[in-house]
Amino acid sequence: MASQLDVRDSRLAEYEVLEQIGKGAFGAAWVIQTRRKPNHRFVLKKVRLARQSERQRFMSRQEMHLVAALRHPFVAGRAAAVSLSHSLR
């Protein structure tokens, strides 16, 4: 298992972390897969909202909604959004 992603939260327990694929000022991204069906892979993007200004949090929410609406064969869509400490609403 590769990464520093904390998967102790029960909402993440069904996933296995495969590798970290990106890191930025406000978070990081990992390739994960479901434990029940190992061929179901996703990208998990963790964003630290506490370190963001109100405008940056607004832009994070905007990005989340844009990805949810996006339909393109070469871009992964959003499967779910989970807030572990700060609400995105």
C-alpha atoms as a PDB file:
ATOM      1  CA  MET A   1       0.000   0.000   0.000  1.00  0.00           C
ATOM      2  CA  ALA A   2       1.454   3.353  -1.019  1.00  0.00           C
ATOM      3  CA  SER A   3       0.773   6.707   0.587  1.00  0.00           C
ATOM      4  CA  GLN A   4       0.099   8.674   3.710  1.00  0.00           C
ATOM      5  CA  LEU A   5      -3.671   8.597   3.288  1.00  0.00           C
ATOM      6  CA  ASP A   6      -5.478   7.785   6.533  1.00  0.00           C
ATOM      7  CA  VAL A   7      -8.131   5.209   5.664  1.00  0.00           C
ATOM      8  CA  ARG A   8      -9.212   4.527   9.250  1.00  0.00           C
ATOM      9  CA  ASP A   9     -12.456   6.401   8.637  1.00  0.00           C
ATOM     10  CA  SER A  10     -15.238   3.840   8.175  1.00  0.00           C
ATOM     11  CA  ARG A  11     -16.355   5.486   4.910  1.00  0.00           C
ATOM     12  CA  LEU A  12     -12.945   4.726   3.397  1.00  0.00           C
ATOM     13  CA  ALA A  13     -12.507   1.246   4.916  1.00  0.00           C
ATOM     14  CA  GLU A  14     -13.865  -0.519   1.836  1.00  0.00           C
ATOM     15  CA  TYR A  15     -11.040   0.889  -0.313  1.00  0.00           C
ATOM     16  CA  GLU A  16      -7.405  -0.056  -0.740  1.00  0.00           C
ATOM     17  CA  VAL A  17      -4.885   2.662  -1.609  1.00  0.00           C
ATOM     18  CA  LEU A  18      -2.731   1.733  -4.601  1.00  0.00           C
ATOM     19  CA  GLU A  19      -0.592   4.811  -5.192  1.00  0.00           C
ATOM     20  CA  GLN A  20      -0.392   8.560  -4.760  1.00  0.00           C
ATOM     21  CA  ILE A  21      -0.630  10.259  -8.160  1.00  0.00           C
ATOM     22  CA  GLY A  22      -0.528  13.928  -7.255  1.00  0.00           C
ATOM     23  CA  LYS A  23       0.087  16.475  -4.533  1.00  0.00           C
ATOM     24  CA  GLY A  24      -0.607  20.180  -4.323  1.00  0.00           C
ATOM     25  CA  ALA A  25      -0.789  23.047  -1.872  1.00  0.00           C
ATOM     26  CA  PHE A  26      -4.198  22.035  -0.487  1.00  0.00           C
ATOM     27  CA  GLY A  27      -4.256  18.266  -0.827  1.00  0.00           C
ATOM     28  CA  ALA A  28      -3.332  15.151  -2.746  1.00  0.00           C
ATOM     29  CA  ALA A  29      -4.787  12.488  -5.042  1.00  0.00           C
ATOM     30  CA  TRP A  30      -4.557   8.698  -4.863  1.00  0.00           C
ATOM     31  CA  VAL A  31      -5.606   5.744  -7.003  1.00  0.00           C
ATOM     32  CA  ILE A  32      -7.802   3.498  -4.863  1.00  0.00           C
ATOM     33  CA  GLN A  33      -9.805   0.345  -5.519  1.00  0.00           C
ATOM     34  CA  THR A  34     -12.686  -1.356  -3.825  1.00  0.00           C
ATOM     35  CA  ARG A  35     -11.783  -4.360  -1.693  1.00  0.00           C
ATOM     36  CA  ARG A  36     -14.836  -6.306  -2.913  1.00  0.00           C
ATOM     37  CA  LYS A  37     -14.154  -5.761  -6.624  1.00  0.00           C
ATOM     38  CA  PRO A  38     -10.435  -5.056  -7.153  1.00  0.00           C
ATOM     39  CA  ASN A  39     -10.945  -4.055 -10.798  1.00  0.00           C
ATOM     40  CA  HIS A  40     -13.076  -1.050  -9.738  1.00  0.00           C
ATOM     41  CA  ARG A  41     -10.540   1.747  -9.461  1.00  0.00           C
ATOM     42  CA  PHE A  42     -11.119   5.377  -8.583  1.00  0.00           C
ATOM     43  CA  VAL A  43      -9.146   8.519  -7.918  1.00  0.00           C
ATOM     44  CA  LEU A  44      -9.585   9.899  -4.427  1.00  0.00           C
ATOM     45  CA  LYS A  45      -8.826  13.590  -4.062  1.00  0.00           C
ATOM     46  CA  LYS A  46      -8.342  14.805  -0.509  1.00  0.00           C
ATOM     47  CA  VAL A  47      -8.582  18.559  -0.026  1.00  0.00           C
ATOM     48  CA  ARG A  48      -7.717  20.247   3.275  1.00  0.00           C
ATOM     49  CA  LEU A  49     -10.469  22.854   3.526  1.00  0.00           C
ATOM     50  CA  ALA A  50      -9.258  24.163   6.873  1.00  0.00           C
ATOM     51  CA  ARG A  51      -6.216  25.717   5.190  1.00  0.00           C
ATOM     52  CA  GLN A  52      -8.283  27.454   2.529  1.00  0.00           C
ATOM     53  CA  SER A  53      -9.767  30.913   2.458  1.00  0.00           C
ATOM     54  CA  GLU A  54     -13.523  31.312   1.966  1.00  0.00           C
ATOM     55  CA  ARG A  55     -12.927  32.008  -1.748  1.00  0.00           C
ATOM     56  CA  GLN A  56     -10.767  28.899  -2.120  1.00  0.00           C
ATOM     57  CA  ARG A  57     -13.424  26.773  -0.384  1.00  0.00           C
ATOM     58  CA  PHE A  58     -15.995  28.212  -2.803  1.00  0.00           C
ATOM     59  CA  MET A  59     -13.751  27.252  -5.731  1.00  0.00           C
ATOM     60  CA  SER A  60     -13.331  23.718  -4.291  1.00  0.00           C
ATOM     61  CA  ARG A  61     -17.119  23.351  -4.125  1.00  0.00           C
ATOM     62  CA  GLN A  62     -17.385  24.673  -7.669  1.00  0.00           C
ATOM     63  CA  GLU A  63     -14.811  22.135  -8.901  1.00  0.00           C
ATOM     64  CA  MET A  64     -16.670  19.311  -7.143  1.00  0.00           C
ATOM     65  CA  HIS A  65     -19.946  20.242  -8.853  1.00  0.00           C
ATOM     66  CA  LEU A  66     -18.249  20.688 -12.241  1.00  0.00           C
ATOM     67  CA  VAL A  67     -16.627  17.245 -12.073  1.00  0.00           C
ATOM     68  CA  ALA A  68     -19.980  15.724 -11.041  1.00  0.00           C
ATOM     69  CA  ALA A  69     -21.629  17.157 -14.167  1.00  0.00           C
ATOM     70  CA  LEU A  70     -18.755  16.413 -16.573  1.00  0.00           C
ATOM     71  CA  ARG A  71     -19.183  13.538 -19.017  1.00  0.00           C
ATOM     72  CA  HIS A  72     -16.090  12.747 -21.093  1.00  0.00           C
ATOM     73  CA  PRO A  73     -14.502   9.382 -21.996  1.00  0.00           C
ATOM     74  CA  PHE A  74     -11.008  10.498 -20.923  1.00  0.00           C
ATOM     75  CA  VAL A  75     -11.962  12.228 -17.660  1.00  0.00           C
ATOM     76  CA  ALA A  76     -12.963  10.312 -14.548  1.00  0.00           C
ATOM     77  CA  GLY A  77     -16.346  11.356 -13.211  1.00  0.00           C
ATOM     78  CA  ARG A  78     -17.220  11.841  -9.575  1.00  0.00           C
ATOM     79  CA  ALA A  79     -18.531   8.748  -7.838  1.00  0.00           C
ATOM     80  CA  ALA A  80     -19.055  10.347  -4.432  1.00  0.00           C
ATOM     81  CA  ALA A  81     -18.097  13.265  -2.252  1.00  0.00           C
ATOM     82  CA  VAL A  82     -17.290  12.707   1.393  1.00  0.00           C
ATOM     83  CA  SER A  83     -16.478  15.324   3.965  1.00  0.00           C
ATOM     84  CA  LEU A  84     -14.433  13.950   6.845  1.00  0.00           C
ATOM     85  CA  SER A  85     -14.076  17.113   8.896  1.00  0.00           C
ATOM     86  CA  HIS A  86     -15.362  20.259   7.166  1.00  0.00           C
ATOM     87  CA  SER A  87     -18.565  20.418   5.164  1.00  0.00           C
ATOM     88  CA  LEU A  88     -18.445  21.329   1.490  1.00  0.00           C
ATOM     89  CA  ARG A  89     -22.030  22.576   1.595  1.00  0.00           C
END
